[in-house]
């Protein structure tokens, strides 16, 4: 057992810490990025607030490019 951030983590192959930070976090960031891009495109389609469109698209693309692929 390894204690990390006050929690017991079993280190067996790719379990615990490695699974969380090398597989799940990039996967969730990629999904969040795709969601934000979709919401941004919807804002552009509706055409009410272009600032929201730019914010959603930039954030979604940044999540995909810098966090999920990096």
Protein backbone atom coordinates (compact mmCIF):
# COMPACT_ATOMS: atom_id res chain seq x y z
CA UNK A 1 0.00 0.00 0.00
CA UNK A 2 1.10 3.49 -0.82
CA UNK A 3 -0.23 6.59 0.86
CA UNK A 4 -0.88 9.44 -1.53
CA UNK A 5 -2.69 12.61 -0.45
CA UNK A 6 -3.76 10.83 2.73
CA UNK A 7 -5.42 7.93 0.92
CA UNK A 8 -4.30 4.32 0.64
CA UNK A 9 -3.62 3.39 -2.97
CA UNK A 10 -2.89 -0.16 -4.05
CA UNK A 11 -0.11 -0.22 -6.62
CA UNK A 12 -0.80 -3.23 -8.84
CA UNK A 13 0.25 -2.85 -12.45
CA UNK A 14 -1.69 0.07 -13.86
CA UNK A 15 -3.97 0.62 -10.91
CA UNK A 16 -4.71 3.51 -8.63
CA UNK A 17 -2.68 6.59 -9.33
CA UNK A 18 -1.51 5.65 -12.83
CA UNK A 19 -4.99 4.71 -13.96
CA UNK A 20 -6.40 7.98 -12.67
CA UNK A 21 -3.87 10.38 -14.14
CA UNK A 22 -2.81 8.68 -17.36
CA UNK A 23 -6.10 7.24 -18.58
CA UNK A 24 -9.16 8.69 -16.89
CA UNK A 25 -8.18 12.37 -16.64
CA UNK A 26 -7.26 12.76 -20.35
CA UNK A 27 -10.40 10.83 -21.33
CA UNK A 28 -12.66 13.07 -19.23
CA UNK A 29 -10.89 16.21 -20.49
CA UNK A 30 -11.40 15.06 -24.07
CA UNK A 31 -15.10 14.45 -23.47
CA UNK A 32 -15.45 17.83 -21.79
CA UNK A 33 -13.66 19.47 -24.73
CA UNK A 34 -15.97 17.84 -27.27
CA UNK A 35 -18.97 18.89 -25.18
CA UNK A 36 -17.80 22.50 -25.04
CA UNK A 37 -17.17 22.57 -28.79
CA UNK A 38 -20.69 21.22 -29.37
CA UNK A 39 -22.19 23.87 -27.08
CA UNK A 40 -20.12 26.53 -28.85
CA UNK A 41 -21.40 25.44 -32.25
CA UNK A 42 -24.94 25.49 -30.90
CA UNK A 43 -24.41 29.06 -29.65
CA UNK A 44 -23.15 30.04 -33.11
CA UNK A 45 -26.22 28.42 -34.70
CA UNK A 46 -28.60 30.26 -32.39
CA UNK A 47 -26.65 33.47 -33.01
CA UNK A 48 -27.45 35.25 -29.75
CA UNK A 49 -24.07 35.66 -28.07
CA UNK A 50 -20.88 35.40 -30.12
CA UNK A 51 -18.69 35.96 -27.05
CA UNK A 52 -20.04 32.75 -25.52
CA UNK A 53 -19.31 30.96 -28.80
CA UNK A 54 -15.69 32.11 -28.75
CA UNK A 55 -15.29 31.19 -25.08
CA UNK A 56 -16.76 27.71 -25.47
CA UNK A 57 -14.82 26.95 -28.65
CA UNK A 58 -11.49 28.18 -27.30
CA UNK A 59 -11.91 26.31 -24.02
CA UNK A 60 -13.00 23.11 -25.77
CA UNK A 61 -10.16 23.20 -28.27
CA UNK A 62 -7.63 23.99 -25.55
CA UNK A 63 -8.83 21.03 -23.48
CA UNK A 64 -8.55 18.67 -26.42
CA UNK A 65 -5.23 19.92 -27.79
CA UNK A 66 -3.26 20.73 -24.64
CA UNK A 67 -4.65 18.45 -21.97
CA UNK A 68 -6.06 15.37 -23.67
CA UNK A 69 -3.37 15.01 -26.34
CA UNK A 70 -0.46 16.26 -24.25
